[in-house]
C-alpha atoms as a PDB file:
ATOM      1  CA  MET A   1     109.388  73.845 175.438  1.00  0.00           C
ATOM      2  CA  GLU A   2     107.555  76.822 173.548  1.00  0.00           C
ATOM      3  CA  ALA A   3     104.858  77.507 171.088  1.00  0.00           C
ATOM      4  CA  ALA A   4     104.742  80.109 169.021  1.00  0.00           C
ATOM      5  CA  GLU A   5     101.938  80.604 166.153  1.00  0.00           C
ATOM      6  CA  SER A   6     100.148  83.550 164.542  1.00  0.00           C
ATOM      7  CA  GLY A   7      98.055  84.484 168.124  1.00  0.00           C
ATOM      8  CA  ARG A   8     100.398  83.097 170.748  1.00  0.00           C
ATOM      9  CA  ILE A   9     104.056  82.666 172.475  1.00  0.00           C
ATOM     10  CA  GLU A  10     104.545  80.157 175.267  1.00  0.00           C
ATOM     11  CA  LYS A  11     108.017  79.618 176.973  1.00  0.00           C
ATOM     12  CA  ARG A  12     108.460  77.115 179.783  1.00  0.00           C
ATOM     13  CA  VAL A  13     111.474  76.953 182.429  1.00  0.00           C
ATOM     14  CA  LEU A  14     112.020  74.603 185.347  1.00  0.00           C
ATOM     15  CA  ILE A  15     113.258  76.866 188.392  1.00  0.00           C
ATOM     16  CA  ARG A  16     114.992  74.932 190.804  1.00  0.00           C
ATOM     17  CA  ALA A  17     113.301  76.526 193.857  1.00  0.00           C
ATOM     18  CA  PRO A  18     109.827  76.409 195.684  1.00  0.00           C
ATOM     19  CA  ARG A  19     106.981  77.938 194.124  1.00  0.00           C
ATOM     20  CA  ALA A  20     107.030  80.551 197.054  1.00  0.00           C
ATOM     21  CA  ARG A  21     110.185  81.637 196.022  1.00  0.00           C
ATOM     22  CA  VAL A  22     109.286  82.065 192.522  1.00  0.00           C
ATOM     23  CA  TRP A  23     106.154  83.731 193.076  1.00  0.00           C
ATOM     24  CA  ARG A  24     108.122  86.356 195.227  1.00  0.00           C
ATOM     25  CA  ALA A  25     110.367  87.081 192.251  1.00  0.00           C
ATOM     26  CA  LEU A  26     107.343  87.626 189.966  1.00  0.00           C
ATOM     27  CA  THR A  27     105.117  90.008 192.511  1.00  0.00           C
ATOM     28  CA  ASP A  28     107.710  91.883 194.774  1.00  0.00           C
ATOM     29  CA  PRO A  29     108.624  94.949 192.647  1.00  0.00           C
ATOM     30  CA  ALA A  30     112.119  95.319 193.667  1.00  0.00           C
ATOM     31  CA  GLU A  31     113.105  91.602 192.907  1.00  0.00           C
ATOM     32  CA  PHE A  32     110.673  92.118 189.463  1.00  0.00           C
ATOM     33  CA  SER A  33     112.812  95.044 188.847  1.00  0.00           C
ATOM     34  CA  ARG A  34     116.087  93.425 188.855  1.00  0.00           C
ATOM     35  CA  TRP A  35     115.207  90.457 186.784  1.00  0.00           C
ATOM     36  CA  PHE A  36     113.378  91.981 184.056  1.00  0.00           C
ATOM     37  CA  GLY A  37     115.328  94.746 184.066  1.00  0.00           C
ATOM     38  CA  VAL A  38     112.793  97.857 184.577  1.00  0.00           C
ATOM     39  CA  GLU A  39     112.327 100.858 186.786  1.00  0.00           C
ATOM     40  CA  MET A  40     108.971 100.603 188.283  1.00  0.00           C
ATOM     41  CA  ALA A  41     106.693 101.744 191.460  1.00  0.00           C
ATOM     42  CA  GLY A  42     103.248 100.421 192.802  1.00  0.00           C
ATOM     43  CA  ALA A  43     102.329  96.516 193.217  1.00  0.00           C
ATOM     44  CA  PHE A  44     101.264  93.667 190.910  1.00  0.00           C
ATOM     45  CA  GLN A  45      97.513  94.086 191.904  1.00  0.00           C
ATOM     46  CA  PRO A  46      94.255  93.490 189.848  1.00  0.00           C
ATOM     47  CA  GLY A  47      93.350  96.745 188.209  1.00  0.00           C
ATOM     48  CA  VAL A  48      96.494  98.770 188.485  1.00  0.00           C
ATOM     49  CA  ARG A  49      98.271 100.347 185.873  1.00  0.00           C
ATOM     50  CA  LEU A  50     102.284  99.907 186.556  1.00  0.00           C
ATOM     51  CA  GLN A  51     104.319 102.691 184.550  1.00  0.00           C
ATOM     52  CA  MET A  52     107.821 101.010 184.109  1.00  0.00           C
ATOM     53  CA  ILE A  53     111.140 102.165 182.301  1.00  0.00           C
ATOM     54  CA  SER A  54     113.414  99.847 180.459  1.00  0.00           C
ATOM     55  CA  THR A  55     117.098  99.636 182.354  1.00  0.00           C
ATOM     56  CA  HIS A  56     118.597  97.438 179.358  1.00  0.00           C
ATOM     57  CA  GLU A  57     121.568  98.545 177.780  1.00  0.00           C
ATOM     58  CA  GLY A  58     121.191  99.727 173.882  1.00  0.00           C
ATOM     59  CA  PRO A  59     118.197 100.796 172.098  1.00  0.00           C
ATOM     60  CA  ALA A  60     115.442  99.878 174.728  1.00  0.00           C
ATOM     61  CA  LYS A  61     117.111 101.793 177.601  1.00  0.00           C
ATOM     62  CA  GLY A  62     115.155 104.359 178.849  1.00  0.00           C
ATOM     63  CA  VAL A  63     111.941 103.264 177.024  1.00  0.00           C
ATOM     64  CA  HIS A  64     108.682 103.930 178.819  1.00  0.00           C
ATOM     65  CA  PHE A  65     105.647 101.512 178.994  1.00  0.00           C
ATOM     66  CA  HIS A  66     103.267 100.123 181.352  1.00  0.00           C
ATOM     67  CA  VAL A  67     101.235  96.975 181.789  1.00  0.00           C
ATOM     68  CA  ASP A  68      97.790  96.865 183.392  1.00  0.00           C
ATOM     69  CA  VAL A  69      97.457  94.026 185.820  1.00  0.00           C
ATOM     70  CA  GLN A  70      94.489  91.743 185.229  1.00  0.00           C
ATOM     71  CA  GLN A  71      94.865  88.600 187.202  1.00  0.00           C
ATOM     72  CA  ARG A  72      96.806  87.661 190.507  1.00  0.00           C
ATOM     73  CA  THR A  73      96.107  84.491 192.307  1.00  0.00           C
ATOM     74  CA  GLU A  74      98.659  83.699 194.928  1.00  0.00           C
ATOM     75  CA  GLN A  75     101.130  81.509 194.106  1.00  0.00           C
ATOM     76  CA  GLN A  76      99.515  80.179 190.689  1.00  0.00           C
ATOM     77  CA  LEU A  77      98.891  83.109 188.154  1.00  0.00           C
ATOM     78  CA  LEU A  78      99.984  86.654 187.425  1.00  0.00           C
ATOM     79  CA  SER A  79      98.752  88.457 184.303  1.00  0.00           C
ATOM     80  CA  TRP A  80      98.878  91.814 182.457  1.00  0.00           C
ATOM     81  CA  ARG A  81      97.705  93.453 179.331  1.00  0.00           C
ATOM     82  CA  TRP A  82     100.449  95.453 177.375  1.00  0.00           C
ATOM     83  CA  HIS A  83     101.170  96.860 174.132  1.00  0.00           C
ATOM     84  CA  PRO A  84     103.781  94.517 172.572  1.00  0.00           C
ATOM     85  CA  GLY A  85     107.252  95.537 171.312  1.00  0.00           C
ATOM     86  CA  MET A  86     109.163  98.688 171.141  1.00  0.00           C
ATOM     87  CA  PRO A  87     106.708 101.762 171.378  1.00  0.00           C
ATOM     88  CA  ASP A  88     106.312 103.644 168.008  1.00  0.00           C
ATOM     89  CA  PRO A  89     105.452 107.006 168.222  1.00  0.00           C
ATOM     90  CA  ALA A  90     103.784 106.835 164.692  1.00  0.00           C
ATOM     91  CA  ILE A  91     101.267 104.631 166.337  1.00  0.00           C
ATOM     92  CA  ASP A  92      98.231 105.859 168.178  1.00  0.00           C
ATOM     93  CA  TYR A  93      98.112 103.152 171.022  1.00  0.00           C
ATOM     94  CA  SER A  94      94.823 104.037 172.401  1.00  0.00           C
ATOM     95  CA  GLN A  95      93.187 102.651 169.331  1.00  0.00           C
ATOM     96  CA  GLU A  96      95.569  99.298 169.274  1.00  0.00           C
ATOM     97  CA  PRO A  97      94.932  96.450 171.153  1.00  0.00           C
ATOM     98  CA  THR A  98      96.986  94.930 173.458  1.00  0.00           C
ATOM     99  CA  THR A  99      98.191  91.253 174.329  1.00  0.00           C
ATOM    100  CA  LEU A 100      97.676  89.168 177.568  1.00  0.00           C
ATOM    101  CA  VAL A 101     100.811  88.017 179.260  1.00  0.00           C
ATOM    102  CA  GLU A 102     100.541  84.999 181.925  1.00  0.00           C
ATOM    103  CA  PHE A 103     102.736  83.902 184.409  1.00  0.00           C
ATOM    104  CA  ARG A 104     101.329  80.551 185.744  1.00  0.00           C
ATOM    105  CA  LEU A 105     103.282  78.473 188.168  1.00  0.00           C
ATOM    106  CA  GLU A 106     103.016  74.695 189.004  1.00  0.00           C
ATOM    107  CA  ASP A 107     104.925  72.286 191.428  1.00  0.00           C
ATOM    108  CA  ALA A 108     106.912  70.138 189.412  1.00  0.00           C
ATOM    109  CA  GLU A 109     110.088  67.495 190.196  1.00  0.00           C
ATOM    110  CA  GLY A 110     113.068  69.675 191.104  1.00  0.00           C
ATOM    111  CA  GLY A 111     111.302  72.738 191.681  1.00  0.00           C
ATOM    112  CA  THR A 112     108.694  74.773 189.955  1.00  0.00           C
ATOM    113  CA  LEU A 113     107.539  75.129 186.442  1.00  0.00           C
ATOM    114  CA  LEU A 114     107.090  78.823 185.278  1.00  0.00           C
ATOM    115  CA  THR A 115     104.982  78.959 181.695  1.00  0.00           C
ATOM    116  CA  VAL A 116     104.667  82.545 180.409  1.00  0.00           C
ATOM    117  CA  THR A 117     102.356  82.955 177.639  1.00  0.00           C
ATOM    118  CA  GLU A 118     101.483  85.697 175.518  1.00  0.00           C
ATOM    119  CA  SER A 119      98.358  85.871 173.450  1.00  0.00           C
ATOM    120  CA  GLY A 120      96.202  88.221 171.201  1.00  0.00           C
ATOM    121  CA  PHE A 121      98.708  88.851 168.534  1.00  0.00           C
ATOM    122  CA  ASP A 122      96.077  87.581 166.301  1.00  0.00           C
ATOM    123  CA  ARG A 123      94.622  91.031 166.894  1.00  0.00           C
ATOM    124  CA  ILE A 124      97.371  92.936 165.875  1.00  0.00           C
ATOM    125  CA  SER A 125      97.557  93.848 162.311  1.00  0.00           C
ATOM    126  CA  LEU A 126      99.196  91.925 159.623  1.00  0.00           C
ATOM    127  CA  ALA A 127     101.774  94.500 158.782  1.00  0.00           C
ATOM    128  CA  ARG A 128     102.973  94.608 162.375  1.00  0.00           C
ATOM    129  CA  ARG A 129     102.424  90.989 163.840  1.00  0.00           C
ATOM    130  CA  ALA A 130     105.121  89.025 162.440  1.00  0.00           C
ATOM    131  CA  ARG A 131     107.766  91.193 163.703  1.00  0.00           C
ATOM    132  CA  LEU A 132     106.052  91.530 167.217  1.00  0.00           C
ATOM    133  CA  ILE A 133     106.064  88.062 167.534  1.00  0.00           C
ATOM    134  CA  ALA A 134     109.551  87.546 166.648  1.00  0.00           C
ATOM    135  CA  GLU A 135     110.571  90.288 169.236  1.00  0.00           C
ATOM    136  CA  ASN A 136     108.613  88.918 171.965  1.00  0.00           C
ATOM    137  CA  THR A 137     109.558  85.547 171.314  1.00  0.00           C
ATOM    138  CA  ALA A 138     113.156  86.454 171.735  1.00  0.00           C
ATOM    139  CA  GLY A 139     112.205  88.555 174.735  1.00  0.00           C
ATOM    140  CA  TRP A 140     110.658  86.265 176.751  1.00  0.00           C
ATOM    141  CA  GLU A 141     113.381  83.465 175.818  1.00  0.00           C
ATOM    142  CA  TYR A 142     115.575  86.191 177.771  1.00  0.00           C
ATOM    143  CA  GLN A 143     113.252  86.810 180.216  1.00  0.00           C
ATOM    144  CA  THR A 144     112.530  83.291 181.588  1.00  0.00           C
ATOM    145  CA  ASN A 145     116.128  82.704 181.298  1.00  0.00           C
ATOM    146  CA  SER A 146     116.718  86.103 183.580  1.00  0.00           C
ATOM    147  CA  VAL A 147     113.891  85.053 186.070  1.00  0.00           C
ATOM    148  CA  ARG A 148     115.365  81.483 186.455  1.00  0.00           C
ATOM    149  CA  ASN A 149     119.145  82.598 186.864  1.00  0.00           C
ATOM    150  CA  HIS A 150     117.653  85.465 189.696  1.00  0.00           C
ATOM    151  CA  VAL A 151     115.877  82.733 191.522  1.00  0.00           C
ATOM    152  CA  GLU A 152     118.500  79.828 191.462  1.00  0.00           C
ATOM    153  CA  GLN A 153     121.262  82.417 192.361  1.00  0.00           C
ATOM    154  CA  ALA A 154     119.945  84.671 195.092  1.00  0.00           C
ATOM    155  CA  PRO A 155     118.203  83.507 198.303  1.00  0.00           C
END
């Protein structure tokens, strides 16, 4: 199930594993780095800015970006703010709004339901909004499949 509208993207995926296992994949830096496709150091703790470097092949390889961790409620919610999309050197990001990414976990029959929501696109200029929503909708489709495959194939 998914929802994409002018200001929000939502992806849901059932992961056939206990909630604690899915939580570890989301919050352990080494595991997160593997399935998300980044190099990073640091911990997912509120108030922390985590620097990341994309390890994906193609144009995104080597791209630097950061996330500002907002909330962490054990085995329930992890959230961050970031600037969506590929960084554009022509944009002064200090003046740009961020979007909020939330990973929510809940028990479900057969495993854990992960819901990833990215909101705040409605604050981004119309000139960039449609492209960023399209890019990130595809990106979250890829990443929810990636985390599911990572968890279901690794102990």
